[in-house]
Amino acid sequence: MLFNFTLTTFIVIIPVVLISITVHELAHGLVADRFGDPTPRVTGRLTLNPIKHLDPMGAILLAMVGFGWAKPVQVNPNNFKDIDKGYDVYFVDRDYYSVQRQIRKKMMYVALAGPISNILLAIIAAVIYVHFDFLFRSFPELSSTFFQTLIMINVFLATFNMLPIPPLDGSKVLGAFLPESAYQKYMMIEDKGFLILMLLVITGALQYVIRPVAVFFINFVYFIATFGFRI
């Protein structure tokens, strides 16, 4: 488990998880919407309502072990603007692969928006925790646990989602740099991605990959908050 559960931790973990997954998925939706895809807006995902983004199993795992997910935002990359879809009868294959590269690049930005938003939220939480603790002297234990948990959950969520295992965000980032043939082979494991992740979680192997990276970024977040935002 990521936490030693106390009554205080139990009180804060639910709002922390809801805030974290909402920010993550909303960021995906906003970037896709900015690129011209109305799907997140039409499906009601451009909202701060956490129920719209909640995946029960992913939320439970996130609260318990720090690795989890939300309900994926539906994105239709064919709606993206500023993609040259010009057709040349002599270079059909070249045009097709050019379009696919452009789409994968924009999907990379959509994917990155989620983890980046979590890291930014962790930094904001750390700044408040480090510099504005005097605002919470009436309930120091609760506020301290809330902000520490918010920082950890967001860093772990960002780190987990950057794993290059489809359909996690990291797979979209890696996919943007792969040649078309390699990308197609890579995506063949997407339907097995959930099973791979569950196997890694159940065996405990995932923590040996995630934890060192997450600890590094947690220290980085506190460093930025402490020395980068001196009041």
C-alpha atoms as a PDB file:
ATOM      1  CA  MET A   1       0.000   0.000   0.000  1.00  0.00           C
ATOM      2  CA  LEU A   2       1.053   3.566  -0.644  1.00  0.00           C
ATOM      3  CA  PHE A   3      -0.248   4.847   2.708  1.00  0.00           C
ATOM      4  CA  ASN A   4      -0.509   3.743   6.296  1.00  0.00           C
ATOM      5  CA  PHE A   5      -4.227   4.330   6.627  1.00  0.00           C
ATOM      6  CA  THR A   6      -5.301   6.393   9.603  1.00  0.00           C
ATOM      7  CA  LEU A   7      -8.649   8.062  10.170  1.00  0.00           C
ATOM      8  CA  THR A   8      -7.206  11.322   8.818  1.00  0.00           C
ATOM      9  CA  THR A   9      -5.880   9.615   5.689  1.00  0.00           C
ATOM     10  CA  PHE A  10      -9.243   7.934   5.130  1.00  0.00           C
ATOM     11  CA  ILE A  11     -10.985  11.319   5.359  1.00  0.00           C
ATOM     12  CA  VAL A  12      -8.744  13.009   2.780  1.00  0.00           C
ATOM     13  CA  ILE A  13      -8.102  10.176   0.323  1.00  0.00           C
ATOM     14  CA  ILE A  14     -11.506  10.322  -1.394  1.00  0.00           C
ATOM     15  CA  PRO A  15     -11.473  14.063  -2.228  1.00  0.00           C
ATOM     16  CA  VAL A  16      -7.795  13.828  -3.205  1.00  0.00           C
ATOM     17  CA  VAL A  17      -8.438  10.996  -5.677  1.00  0.00           C
ATOM     18  CA  LEU A  18     -11.484  12.758  -7.131  1.00  0.00           C
ATOM     19  CA  ILE A  19      -9.584  16.030  -7.572  1.00  0.00           C
ATOM     20  CA  SER A  20      -6.587  14.284  -9.143  1.00  0.00           C
ATOM     21  CA  ILE A  21      -8.438  12.224 -11.738  1.00  0.00           C
ATOM     22  CA  THR A  22     -10.711  15.148 -12.609  1.00  0.00           C
ATOM     23  CA  VAL A  23      -7.776  17.439 -13.328  1.00  0.00           C
ATOM     24  CA  HIS A  24      -6.042  14.700 -15.324  1.00  0.00           C
ATOM     25  CA  GLU A  25      -8.985  13.870 -17.578  1.00  0.00           C
ATOM     26  CA  LEU A  26     -10.137  17.464 -17.956  1.00  0.00           C
ATOM     27  CA  ALA A  27      -6.663  18.364 -19.220  1.00  0.00           C
ATOM     28  CA  HIS A  28      -6.910  15.646 -21.887  1.00  0.00           C
ATOM     29  CA  GLY A  29     -10.296  16.927 -22.953  1.00  0.00           C
ATOM     30  CA  LEU A  30      -9.289  20.584 -23.069  1.00  0.00           C
ATOM     31  CA  VAL A  31      -6.276  19.932 -25.307  1.00  0.00           C
ATOM     32  CA  ALA A  32      -8.299  17.712 -27.658  1.00  0.00           C
ATOM     33  CA  ASP A  33     -11.006  20.395 -27.770  1.00  0.00           C
ATOM     34  CA  ARG A  34      -8.348  23.024 -28.487  1.00  0.00           C
ATOM     35  CA  PHE A  35      -7.139  20.919 -31.426  1.00  0.00           C
ATOM     36  CA  GLY A  36     -10.652  20.957 -32.866  1.00  0.00           C
ATOM     37  CA  ASP A  37     -12.176  17.688 -31.657  1.00  0.00           C
ATOM     38  CA  PRO A  38     -15.639  18.317 -30.113  1.00  0.00           C
ATOM     39  CA  THR A  39     -15.948  14.756 -28.772  1.00  0.00           C
ATOM     40  CA  PRO A  40     -14.907  15.537 -25.160  1.00  0.00           C
ATOM     41  CA  ARG A  41     -17.333  18.469 -25.093  1.00  0.00           C
ATOM     42  CA  VAL A  42     -20.201  16.485 -26.629  1.00  0.00           C
ATOM     43  CA  THR A  43     -19.663  13.571 -24.229  1.00  0.00           C
ATOM     44  CA  GLY A  44     -19.685  15.903 -21.221  1.00  0.00           C
ATOM     45  CA  ARG A  45     -16.037  15.489 -20.253  1.00  0.00           C
ATOM     46  CA  LEU A  46     -15.103  19.185 -20.174  1.00  0.00           C
ATOM     47  CA  THR A  47     -16.337  19.427 -16.618  1.00  0.00           C
ATOM     48  CA  LEU A  48     -15.046  19.568 -13.066  1.00  0.00           C
ATOM     49  CA  ASN A  49     -17.704  17.063 -12.022  1.00  0.00           C
ATOM     50  CA  PRO A  50     -15.604  14.064 -10.857  1.00  0.00           C
ATOM     51  CA  ILE A  51     -18.433  11.575 -11.416  1.00  0.00           C
ATOM     52  CA  LYS A  52     -18.060  12.099 -15.168  1.00  0.00           C
ATOM     53  CA  HIS A  53     -14.414  10.994 -14.978  1.00  0.00           C
ATOM     54  CA  LEU A  54     -14.616   8.254 -12.358  1.00  0.00           C
ATOM     55  CA  ASP A  55     -13.633   4.652 -12.996  1.00  0.00           C
ATOM     56  CA  PRO A  56     -14.373   2.793  -9.732  1.00  0.00           C
ATOM     57  CA  MET A  57     -11.671   0.135 -10.048  1.00  0.00           C
ATOM     58  CA  GLY A  58      -9.012   2.631 -11.140  1.00  0.00           C
ATOM     59  CA  ALA A  59      -9.953   5.007  -8.325  1.00  0.00           C
ATOM     60  CA  ILE A  60      -9.733   2.253  -5.682  1.00  0.00           C
ATOM     61  CA  LEU A  61      -6.311   1.154  -6.913  1.00  0.00           C
ATOM     62  CA  LEU A  62      -5.114   4.757  -7.014  1.00  0.00           C
ATOM     63  CA  ALA A  63      -6.201   5.285  -3.413  1.00  0.00           C
ATOM     64  CA  MET A  64      -4.744   1.993  -2.190  1.00  0.00           C
ATOM     65  CA  VAL A  65      -1.476   1.566  -4.072  1.00  0.00           C
ATOM     66  CA  GLY A  66      -0.932   4.823  -5.987  1.00  0.00           C
ATOM     67  CA  PHE A  67      -1.415   3.214  -9.408  1.00  0.00           C
ATOM     68  CA  GLY A  68      -4.746   3.794 -11.058  1.00  0.00           C
ATOM     69  CA  TRP A  69      -6.739   5.416 -13.801  1.00  0.00           C
ATOM     70  CA  ALA A  70      -9.929   7.274 -14.592  1.00  0.00           C
ATOM     71  CA  LYS A  71     -12.518   6.783 -17.312  1.00  0.00           C
ATOM     72  CA  PRO A  72     -10.664   7.575 -20.567  1.00  0.00           C
ATOM     73  CA  VAL A  73     -11.714  10.703 -22.433  1.00  0.00           C
ATOM     74  CA  GLN A  74     -12.989   9.787 -25.885  1.00  0.00           C
ATOM     75  CA  VAL A  75     -10.999  11.559 -28.598  1.00  0.00           C
ATOM     76  CA  ASN A  76     -11.539  11.413 -32.350  1.00  0.00           C
ATOM     77  CA  PRO A  77      -8.244  12.525 -33.931  1.00  0.00           C
ATOM     78  CA  ASN A  78      -9.889  12.744 -37.352  1.00  0.00           C
ATOM     79  CA  ASN A  79     -11.482  15.966 -36.113  1.00  0.00           C
ATOM     80  CA  PHE A  80      -8.170  17.658 -35.370  1.00  0.00           C
ATOM     81  CA  LYS A  81      -7.558  20.925 -37.168  1.00  0.00           C
ATOM     82  CA  ASP A  82      -4.400  21.998 -38.994  1.00  0.00           C
ATOM     83  CA  ILE A  83      -3.652  18.534 -40.358  1.00  0.00           C
ATOM     84  CA  ASP A  84      -2.703  18.502 -44.014  1.00  0.00           C
ATOM     85  CA  LYS A  85      -4.976  15.855 -45.515  1.00  0.00           C
ATOM     86  CA  GLY A  86      -4.148  16.797 -49.078  1.00  0.00           C
ATOM     87  CA  TYR A  87      -4.496  13.876 -51.476  1.00  0.00           C
ATOM     88  CA  ASP A  88      -1.931  13.227 -54.174  1.00  0.00           C
ATOM     89  CA  VAL A  89      -2.867  10.398 -56.564  1.00  0.00           C
ATOM     90  CA  TYR A  90       0.811   9.635 -57.181  1.00  0.00           C
ATOM     91  CA  PHE A  91       1.789   9.501 -53.521  1.00  0.00           C
ATOM     92  CA  VAL A  92      -1.160   7.912 -51.735  1.00  0.00           C
ATOM     93  CA  ASP A  93       1.001   5.981 -49.254  1.00  0.00           C
ATOM     94  CA  ARG A  94       3.206   8.967 -48.553  1.00  0.00           C
ATOM     95  CA  ASP A  95       0.173  11.187 -47.892  1.00  0.00           C
ATOM     96  CA  TYR A  96      -1.446   8.585 -45.649  1.00  0.00           C
ATOM     97  CA  TYR A  97       1.661   8.148 -43.506  1.00  0.00           C
ATOM     98  CA  SER A  98       2.166  11.910 -43.332  1.00  0.00           C
ATOM     99  CA  VAL A  99      -1.358  12.369 -41.999  1.00  0.00           C
ATOM    100  CA  GLN A 100      -0.875   9.563 -39.473  1.00  0.00           C
ATOM    101  CA  ARG A 101       2.337  11.150 -38.198  1.00  0.00           C
ATOM    102  CA  GLN A 102       0.561  14.471 -37.732  1.00  0.00           C
ATOM    103  CA  ILE A 103      -2.310  12.798 -35.902  1.00  0.00           C
ATOM    104  CA  ARG A 104       0.021  10.842 -33.626  1.00  0.00           C
ATOM    105  CA  LYS A 105       1.924  14.021 -32.792  1.00  0.00           C
ATOM    106  CA  LYS A 106      -1.253  15.788 -31.709  1.00  0.00           C
ATOM    107  CA  MET A 107      -2.360  12.711 -29.768  1.00  0.00           C
ATOM    108  CA  MET A 108       0.974  12.890 -27.963  1.00  0.00           C
ATOM    109  CA  TYR A 109       0.140  16.413 -26.803  1.00  0.00           C
ATOM    110  CA  VAL A 110      -3.342  15.294 -25.701  1.00  0.00           C
ATOM    111  CA  ALA A 111      -1.767  12.422 -23.762  1.00  0.00           C
ATOM    112  CA  LEU A 112       0.924  14.572 -22.146  1.00  0.00           C
ATOM    113  CA  ALA A 113      -1.673  17.055 -20.895  1.00  0.00           C
ATOM    114  CA  GLY A 114      -2.892  14.630 -18.218  1.00  0.00           C
ATOM    115  CA  PRO A 115       0.415  13.836 -16.468  1.00  0.00           C
ATOM    116  CA  ILE A 116       1.647  17.425 -16.832  1.00  0.00           C
ATOM    117  CA  SER A 117      -1.542  18.718 -15.188  1.00  0.00           C
ATOM    118  CA  ASN A 118      -0.967  16.333 -12.258  1.00  0.00           C
ATOM    119  CA  ILE A 119       2.616  17.505 -11.773  1.00  0.00           C
ATOM    120  CA  LEU A 120       1.472  21.142 -11.879  1.00  0.00           C
ATOM    121  CA  LEU A 121      -1.257  20.379  -9.338  1.00  0.00           C
ATOM    122  CA  ALA A 122       1.344  18.689  -7.112  1.00  0.00           C
ATOM    123  CA  ILE A 123       3.561  21.785  -7.326  1.00  0.00           C
ATOM    124  CA  ILE A 124       0.631  24.063  -6.429  1.00  0.00           C
ATOM    125  CA  ALA A 125      -0.218  21.832  -3.468  1.00  0.00           C
ATOM    126  CA  ALA A 126       3.421  21.835  -2.342  1.00  0.00           C
ATOM    127  CA  VAL A 127       3.639  25.643  -2.565  1.00  0.00           C
ATOM    128  CA  ILE A 128       0.538  25.976  -0.381  1.00  0.00           C
ATOM    129  CA  TYR A 129       1.815  23.346   2.047  1.00  0.00           C
ATOM    130  CA  VAL A 130       5.291  24.888   2.361  1.00  0.00           C
ATOM    131  CA  HIS A 131       4.472  28.601   2.335  1.00  0.00           C
ATOM    132  CA  PHE A 132       0.884  28.935   3.575  1.00  0.00           C
ATOM    133  CA  ASP A 133       0.715  26.406   6.385  1.00  0.00           C
ATOM    134  CA  PHE A 134      -0.214  29.231   8.766  1.00  0.00           C
ATOM    135  CA  LEU A 135      -3.655  29.322   7.116  1.00  0.00           C
ATOM    136  CA  PHE A 136      -4.445  25.860   8.446  1.00  0.00           C
ATOM    137  CA  ARG A 137      -3.308  26.069  12.071  1.00  0.00           C
ATOM    138  CA  SER A 138      -6.821  25.309  13.280  1.00  0.00           C
ATOM    139  CA  PHE A 139      -6.593  21.778  11.859  1.00  0.00           C
ATOM    140  CA  PRO A 140      -2.874  21.127  11.236  1.00  0.00           C
ATOM    141  CA  GLU A 141      -2.980  17.313  11.025  1.00  0.00           C
ATOM    142  CA  LEU A 142      -5.864  17.246   8.548  1.00  0.00           C
ATOM    143  CA  SER A 143      -4.402  19.956   6.302  1.00  0.00           C
ATOM    144  CA  SER A 144      -0.914  18.467   6.390  1.00  0.00           C
ATOM    145  CA  THR A 145      -2.222  15.011   5.473  1.00  0.00           C
ATOM    146  CA  PHE A 146      -4.422  16.452   2.728  1.00  0.00           C
ATOM    147  CA  PHE A 147      -1.639  18.323   0.944  1.00  0.00           C
ATOM    148  CA  GLN A 148       0.954  15.573   1.368  1.00  0.00           C
ATOM    149  CA  THR A 149      -1.511  13.031   0.000  1.00  0.00           C
ATOM    150  CA  LEU A 150      -2.492  15.349  -2.864  1.00  0.00           C
ATOM    151  CA  ILE A 151       1.174  15.699  -3.821  1.00  0.00           C
ATOM    152  CA  MET A 152       1.896  11.976  -3.668  1.00  0.00           C
ATOM    153  CA  ILE A 153      -1.244  10.847  -5.493  1.00  0.00           C
ATOM    154  CA  ASN A 154      -0.710  13.303  -8.332  1.00  0.00           C
ATOM    155  CA  VAL A 155       2.942  12.400  -8.790  1.00  0.00           C
ATOM    156  CA  PHE A 156       2.186   8.672  -8.722  1.00  0.00           C
ATOM    157  CA  LEU A 157      -0.736   9.146 -11.131  1.00  0.00           C
ATOM    158  CA  ALA A 158       1.459  11.074 -13.568  1.00  0.00           C
ATOM    159  CA  THR A 159       4.293   8.551 -13.306  1.00  0.00           C
ATOM    160  CA  PHE A 160       2.013   5.569 -13.762  1.00  0.00           C
ATOM    161  CA  ASN A 161       0.305   7.052 -16.801  1.00  0.00           C
ATOM    162  CA  MET A 162       3.627   7.710 -18.501  1.00  0.00           C
ATOM    163  CA  LEU A 163       4.383   3.988 -18.677  1.00  0.00           C
ATOM    164  CA  PRO A 164       4.639   3.037 -22.375  1.00  0.00           C
ATOM    165  CA  ILE A 165       1.976   0.344 -22.068  1.00  0.00           C
ATOM    166  CA  PRO A 166      -1.118   0.860 -24.248  1.00  0.00           C
ATOM    167  CA  PRO A 167      -3.546   2.432 -23.584  1.00  0.00           C
ATOM    168  CA  LEU A 168      -1.703   4.566 -20.981  1.00  0.00           C
ATOM    169  CA  ASP A 169      -0.591   8.076 -21.920  1.00  0.00           C
ATOM    170  CA  GLY A 170       3.024   7.012 -22.238  1.00  0.00           C
ATOM    171  CA  SER A 171       2.118   4.759 -25.159  1.00  0.00           C
ATOM    172  CA  LYS A 172       0.778   7.765 -27.089  1.00  0.00           C
ATOM    173  CA  VAL A 173       4.026   9.622 -26.435  1.00  0.00           C
ATOM    174  CA  LEU A 174       6.181   6.719 -27.563  1.00  0.00           C
ATOM    175  CA  GLY A 175       3.892   6.094 -30.526  1.00  0.00           C
ATOM    176  CA  ALA A 176       4.506   9.599 -31.862  1.00  0.00           C
ATOM    177  CA  PHE A 177       8.166   8.737 -32.452  1.00  0.00           C
ATOM    178  CA  LEU A 178       7.789   5.263 -33.948  1.00  0.00           C
ATOM    179  CA  PRO A 179       7.853   4.519 -37.687  1.00  0.00           C
ATOM    180  CA  GLU A 180       4.454   3.486 -39.029  1.00  0.00           C
ATOM    181  CA  SER A 181       5.295  -0.214 -39.281  1.00  0.00           C
ATOM    182  CA  ALA A 182       6.688  -0.343 -35.750  1.00  0.00           C
ATOM    183  CA  TYR A 183       3.704   1.652 -34.452  1.00  0.00           C
ATOM    184  CA  GLN A 184       1.208  -0.804 -35.935  1.00  0.00           C
ATOM    185  CA  LYS A 185       3.004  -3.726 -34.287  1.00  0.00           C
ATOM    186  CA  TYR A 186       3.221  -1.826 -31.015  1.00  0.00           C
ATOM    187  CA  MET A 187      -0.535  -1.143 -30.991  1.00  0.00           C
ATOM    188  CA  MET A 188      -1.249  -4.853 -31.377  1.00  0.00           C
ATOM    189  CA  ILE A 189      -0.668  -5.261 -27.631  1.00  0.00           C
ATOM    190  CA  GLU A 190      -3.252  -2.581 -26.736  1.00  0.00           C
ATOM    191  CA  ASP A 191      -6.036  -5.101 -26.091  1.00  0.00           C
ATOM    192  CA  LYS A 192      -3.666  -6.918 -23.715  1.00  0.00           C
ATOM    193  CA  GLY A 193      -2.523  -3.748 -21.944  1.00  0.00           C
ATOM    194  CA  PHE A 194      -4.970  -4.040 -19.045  1.00  0.00           C
ATOM    195  CA  LEU A 195      -3.925  -7.631 -18.361  1.00  0.00           C
ATOM    196  CA  ILE A 196      -0.265  -6.629 -18.474  1.00  0.00           C
ATOM    197  CA  LEU A 197      -0.881  -3.836 -15.971  1.00  0.00           C
ATOM    198  CA  MET A 198      -2.895  -6.073 -13.652  1.00  0.00           C
ATOM    199  CA  LEU A 199      -0.143  -8.672 -13.740  1.00  0.00           C
ATOM    200  CA  LEU A 200       2.451  -6.042 -12.867  1.00  0.00           C
ATOM    201  CA  VAL A 201       0.298  -4.713 -10.011  1.00  0.00           C
ATOM    202  CA  ILE A 202      -0.555  -8.140  -8.583  1.00  0.00           C
ATOM    203  CA  THR A 203       3.044  -9.391  -8.676  1.00  0.00           C
ATOM    204  CA  GLY A 204       4.334  -6.155  -7.153  1.00  0.00           C
ATOM    205  CA  ALA A 205       6.726  -5.651 -10.061  1.00  0.00           C
ATOM    206  CA  LEU A 206       5.173  -2.299 -10.932  1.00  0.00           C
ATOM    207  CA  GLN A 207       6.289  -0.630  -7.710  1.00  0.00           C
ATOM    208  CA  TYR A 208       9.945  -1.274  -8.537  1.00  0.00           C
ATOM    209  CA  VAL A 209       9.485   0.722 -11.747  1.00  0.00           C
ATOM    210  CA  ILE A 210       7.140   3.421 -10.471  1.00  0.00           C
ATOM    211  CA  ARG A 211       8.329   4.130  -6.948  1.00  0.00           C
ATOM    212  CA  PRO A 212      11.920   5.326  -7.669  1.00  0.00           C
ATOM    213  CA  VAL A 213      10.695   7.654 -10.421  1.00  0.00           C
ATOM    214  CA  ALA A 214       7.807   8.927  -8.297  1.00  0.00           C
ATOM    215  CA  VAL A 215      10.083   9.567  -5.301  1.00  0.00           C
ATOM    216  CA  PHE A 216      12.418  11.560  -7.549  1.00  0.00           C
ATOM    217  CA  PHE A 217       9.544  13.737  -8.782  1.00  0.00           C
ATOM    218  CA  ILE A 218       8.111  14.178  -5.284  1.00  0.00           C
ATOM    219  CA  ASN A 219      11.503  15.510  -4.160  1.00  0.00           C
ATOM    220  CA  PHE A 220      11.614  17.662  -7.286  1.00  0.00           C
ATOM    221  CA  VAL A 221       8.149  19.084  -6.522  1.00  0.00           C
ATOM    222  CA  TYR A 222       9.153  19.964  -2.950  1.00  0.00           C
ATOM    223  CA  PHE A 223      12.404  21.498  -4.222  1.00  0.00           C
ATOM    224  CA  ILE A 224      10.514  23.709  -6.697  1.00  0.00           C
ATOM    225  CA  ALA A 225       7.993  24.691  -4.038  1.00  0.00           C
ATOM    226  CA  THR A 226      10.664  25.470  -1.447  1.00  0.00           C
ATOM    227  CA  PHE A 227      13.306  27.248  -3.495  1.00  0.00           C
ATOM    228  CA  GLY A 228      11.442  28.281  -6.651  1.00  0.00           C
ATOM    229  CA  PHE A 229       8.556  30.029  -4.905  1.00  0.00           C
ATOM    230  CA  ARG A 230      10.093  31.884  -2.009  1.00  0.00           C
ATOM    231  CA  ILE A 231       7.513  34.288  -0.619  1.00  0.00           C
END
